[in-house]
C-alpha atoms as a PDB file:
ATOM      1  CA  MET A   1       0.000   0.000   0.000  1.00  0.00           C
ATOM      2  CA  THR A   2       1.468   3.348  -0.995  1.00  0.00           C
ATOM      3  CA  ARG A   3       1.909   6.225   1.388  1.00  0.00           C
ATOM      4  CA  GLU A   4      -0.793   8.175  -0.476  1.00  0.00           C
ATOM      5  CA  VAL A   5      -3.329   5.385  -0.086  1.00  0.00           C
ATOM      6  CA  LYS A   6      -2.497   5.026   3.605  1.00  0.00           C
ATOM      7  CA  THR A   7      -2.994   8.761   4.096  1.00  0.00           C
ATOM      8  CA  ILE A   8      -6.347   8.632   2.327  1.00  0.00           C
ATOM      9  CA  VAL A   9      -7.500   5.628   4.357  1.00  0.00           C
ATOM     10  CA  LEU A  10      -6.404   7.223   7.635  1.00  0.00           C
ATOM     11  CA  SER A  11      -8.182  10.456   6.681  1.00  0.00           C
ATOM     12  CA  LEU A  12     -11.301   8.492   5.841  1.00  0.00           C
ATOM     13  CA  VAL A  13     -11.190   6.651   9.170  1.00  0.00           C
ATOM     14  CA  PHE A  14     -10.799   9.947  10.985  1.00  0.00           C
ATOM     15  CA  ALA A  15     -13.694  11.494   9.063  1.00  0.00           C
ATOM     16  CA  LEU A  16     -15.922   8.489   9.748  1.00  0.00           C
ATOM     17  CA  GLY A  17     -14.996   8.624  13.415  1.00  0.00           C
ATOM     18  CA  VAL A  18     -15.929  12.279  13.585  1.00  0.00           C
ATOM     19  CA  ALA A  19     -19.179  11.621  11.726  1.00  0.00           C
ATOM     20  CA  THR A  20     -20.048   8.693  14.001  1.00  0.00           C
ATOM     21  CA  GLY A  21     -19.270  10.756  17.085  1.00  0.00           C
ATOM     22  CA  ALA A  22     -21.287  13.709  15.820  1.00  0.00           C
ATOM     23  CA  LEU A  23     -24.258  11.485  15.015  1.00  0.00           C
ATOM     24  CA  GLY A  24     -24.060   9.801  18.405  1.00  0.00           C
ATOM     25  CA  LEU A  25     -23.839  13.150  20.162  1.00  0.00           C
ATOM     26  CA  ARG A  26     -26.782  14.518  18.210  1.00  0.00           C
ATOM     27  CA  LEU A  27     -28.899  11.470  19.022  1.00  0.00           C
ATOM     28  CA  TYR A  28     -27.923  11.755  22.673  1.00  0.00           C
ATOM     29  CA  GLU A  29     -28.792  15.448  22.725  1.00  0.00           C
ATOM     30  CA  ARG A  30     -32.189  14.756  21.225  1.00  0.00           C
ATOM     31  CA  ALA A  31     -32.863  11.987  23.729  1.00  0.00           C
ATOM     32  CA  SER A  32     -31.693  13.954  26.756  1.00  0.00           C
ATOM     33  CA  GLY A  33     -32.754  17.435  25.749  1.00  0.00           C
ATOM     34  CA  GLY A  34     -29.246  18.681  26.470  1.00  0.00           C
ATOM     35  CA  SER A  35     -26.139  19.753  24.660  1.00  0.00           C
ATOM     36  CA  ALA A  36     -22.593  18.750  25.509  1.00  0.00           C
ATOM     37  CA  ASP A  37     -21.305  22.179  24.521  1.00  0.00           C
ATOM     38  CA  GLY A  38     -23.714  23.976  26.839  1.00  0.00           C
ATOM     39  CA  ARG A  39     -25.758  25.754  24.172  1.00  0.00           C
ATOM     40  CA  GLY A  40     -28.914  23.778  24.874  1.00  0.00           C
ATOM     41  CA  GLY A  41     -27.955  22.608  28.322  1.00  0.00           C
ATOM     42  CA  ARG A  42     -29.894  20.226  30.457  1.00  0.00           C
ATOM     43  CA  PHE A  43     -33.358  21.120  31.609  1.00  0.00           C
ATOM     44  CA  ASP A  44     -33.005  23.577  34.464  1.00  0.00           C
ATOM     45  CA  ARG A  45     -36.074  22.681  36.468  1.00  0.00           C
ATOM     46  CA  ALA A  46     -35.521  25.223  39.228  1.00  0.00           C
ATOM     47  CA  ARG A  47     -35.158  28.057  36.727  1.00  0.00           C
ATOM     48  CA  TYR A  48     -38.193  26.850  34.743  1.00  0.00           C
ATOM     49  CA  VAL A  49     -40.381  26.653  37.857  1.00  0.00           C
ATOM     50  CA  SER A  50     -39.111  29.984  39.135  1.00  0.00           C
ATOM     51  CA  ARG A  51     -39.847  31.746  35.849  1.00  0.00           C
ATOM     52  CA  LEU A  52     -43.301  30.196  35.518  1.00  0.00           C
ATOM     53  CA  THR A  53     -44.150  30.984  39.123  1.00  0.00           C
ATOM     54  CA  LYS A  54     -43.048  34.579  38.726  1.00  0.00           C
ATOM     55  CA  ASP A  55     -44.237  35.298  35.165  1.00  0.00           C
ATOM     56  CA  LEU A  56     -47.598  33.549  35.523  1.00  0.00           C
ATOM     57  CA  ARG A  57     -48.051  34.366  39.219  1.00  0.00           C
ATOM     58  CA  LEU A  58     -48.814  30.776  40.078  1.00  0.00           C
ATOM     59  CA  THR A  59     -50.567  30.015  43.324  1.00  0.00           C
ATOM     60  CA  ALA A  60     -49.064  27.574  45.819  1.00  0.00           C
ATOM     61  CA  ASP A  61     -51.549  24.926  44.654  1.00  0.00           C
ATOM     62  CA  GLN A  62     -50.580  25.497  41.025  1.00  0.00           C
ATOM     63  CA  GLY A  63     -46.923  25.224  42.015  1.00  0.00           C
ATOM     64  CA  ARG A  64     -47.592  21.806  43.573  1.00  0.00           C
ATOM     65  CA  GLN A  65     -49.496  20.731  40.438  1.00  0.00           C
ATOM     66  CA  LEU A  66     -46.616  21.921  38.264  1.00  0.00           C
ATOM     67  CA  ASP A  67     -44.184  19.855  40.352  1.00  0.00           C
ATOM     68  CA  ARG A  68     -46.311  16.734  39.864  1.00  0.00           C
ATOM     69  CA  ILE A  69     -46.542  17.376  36.119  1.00  0.00           C
ATOM     70  CA  LEU A  70     -42.773  17.820  35.848  1.00  0.00           C
ATOM     71  CA  ASP A  71     -42.154  14.676  37.922  1.00  0.00           C
ATOM     72  CA  ASP A  72     -44.453  12.657  35.656  1.00  0.00           C
ATOM     73  CA  THR A  73     -42.848  14.130  32.537  1.00  0.00           C
ATOM     74  CA  ARG A  74     -39.356  13.291  33.783  1.00  0.00           C
ATOM     75  CA  ALA A  75     -40.428   9.710  34.379  1.00  0.00           C
ATOM     76  CA  ASP A  76     -41.853   9.544  30.839  1.00  0.00           C
ATOM     77  CA  PHE A  77     -38.591  10.889  29.371  1.00  0.00           C
ATOM     78  CA  MET A  78     -36.600   8.296  31.320  1.00  0.00           C
ATOM     79  CA  LYS A  79     -38.764   5.501  29.887  1.00  0.00           C
ATOM     80  CA  VAL A  80     -38.211   6.773  26.349  1.00  0.00           C
ATOM     81  CA  ARG A  81     -34.453   6.998  26.903  1.00  0.00           C
ATOM     82  CA  GLU A  82     -34.382   3.417  28.188  1.00  0.00           C
ATOM     83  CA  THR A  83     -36.112   2.144  25.043  1.00  0.00           C
ATOM     84  CA  VAL A  84     -34.086   4.242  22.600  1.00  0.00           C
ATOM     85  CA  GLN A  85     -30.642   3.677  24.151  1.00  0.00           C
ATOM     86  CA  PRO A  86     -30.267   0.063  22.956  1.00  0.00           C
ATOM     87  CA  GLN A  87     -31.080   1.171  19.407  1.00  0.00           C
ATOM     88  CA  ILE A  88     -28.482   3.920  19.585  1.00  0.00           C
ATOM     89  CA  GLN A  89     -25.889   1.448  20.866  1.00  0.00           C
ATOM     90  CA  GLU A  90     -26.738  -0.980  18.056  1.00  0.00           C
ATOM     91  CA  ILE A  91     -26.344   1.698  15.385  1.00  0.00           C
ATOM     92  CA  LYS A  92     -23.070   2.857  16.916  1.00  0.00           C
ATOM     93  CA  GLY A  93     -21.830  -0.738  17.111  1.00  0.00           C
ATOM     94  CA  ARG A  94     -22.651  -1.365  13.452  1.00  0.00           C
ATOM     95  CA  ALA A  95     -20.838   1.802  12.396  1.00  0.00           C
ATOM     96  CA  ARG A  96     -17.780   0.865  14.427  1.00  0.00           C
ATOM     97  CA  GLY A  97     -17.848  -2.650  12.987  1.00  0.00           C
ATOM     98  CA  ARG A  98     -17.942  -1.303   9.452  1.00  0.00           C
ATOM     99  CA  ILE A  99     -15.010   0.976  10.230  1.00  0.00           C
ATOM    100  CA  ARG A 100     -13.042  -1.965  11.670  1.00  0.00           C
ATOM    101  CA  GLU A 101     -13.642  -3.994   8.494  1.00  0.00           C
ATOM    102  CA  MET A 102     -11.925  -1.410   6.311  1.00  0.00           C
ATOM    103  CA  LEU A 103      -8.860  -1.069   8.550  1.00  0.00           C
ATOM    104  CA  THR A 104      -5.574  -2.890   8.517  1.00  0.00           C
ATOM    105  CA  PRO A 105      -4.678  -4.853  11.675  1.00  0.00           C
ATOM    106  CA  ASP A 106      -2.376  -2.032  12.797  1.00  0.00           C
ATOM    107  CA  GLN A 107      -5.109   0.545  12.232  1.00  0.00           C
ATOM    108  CA  GLN A 108      -7.600  -1.628  14.082  1.00  0.00           C
ATOM    109  CA  GLU A 109      -5.382  -1.572  17.164  1.00  0.00           C
ATOM    110  CA  ARG A 110      -5.135   2.213  16.996  1.00  0.00           C
ATOM    111  CA  PHE A 111      -8.887   2.454  16.396  1.00  0.00           C
ATOM    112  CA  GLU A 112      -9.577   0.396  19.534  1.00  0.00           C
ATOM    113  CA  ALA A 113      -7.293   2.702  21.541  1.00  0.00           C
ATOM    114  CA  PHE A 114      -9.081   5.705  20.047  1.00  0.00           C
ATOM    115  CA  LEU A 115     -12.493   4.276  20.963  1.00  0.00           C
ATOM    116  CA  LYS A 116     -11.391   3.538  24.508  1.00  0.00           C
ATOM    117  CA  GLU A 117     -10.255   7.151  24.939  1.00  0.00           C
ATOM    118  CA  TRP A 118     -13.319   8.534  23.115  1.00  0.00           C
ATOM    119  CA  ASP A 119     -15.760   6.530  25.246  1.00  0.00           C
ATOM    120  CA  ALA A 120     -13.964   7.473  28.487  1.00  0.00           C
ATOM    121  CA  GLU A 121     -14.180  11.138  27.521  1.00  0.00           C
ATOM    122  CA  LYS A 122     -17.865  10.785  26.734  1.00  0.00           C
ATOM    123  CA  GLN A 123     -18.417   9.109  30.118  1.00  0.00           C
ATOM    124  CA  ARG A 124     -16.622  11.962  31.905  1.00  0.00           C
ATOM    125  CA  ARG A 125     -18.784  14.530  30.083  1.00  0.00           C
ATOM    126  CA  SER A 126     -21.985  12.705  31.015  1.00  0.00           C
ATOM    127  CA  GLU A 127     -21.000  12.658  34.695  1.00  0.00           C
ATOM    128  CA  ARG A 128     -20.862  16.446  34.836  1.00  0.00           C
END
């Protein structure tokens, strides 16, 4: 394999990795309602309740009703995430498998190291 071909293949692997990561992040953001870069952020319940209470002049009873509604909604979102997550993992696994198939054994080793680092970084971000 010539140096040019190796460069092209490595560039393609990098591009596919970026695309896979971007797709995974986008799917995660849609499922969680958040954004890893902070633009969308996670749902700020306290701020939401505070604004509604102030702007709409909610009564104490309405505030309690709002809390129940938000609790129920959170539970519904969690159920949806639980059903969607296996599908996301399957899609991600297929993409990674297809990438592995096109790589040389040496590239596969480096790809596995990349994935280990990538997944650890993603885990750290999700713990914040």
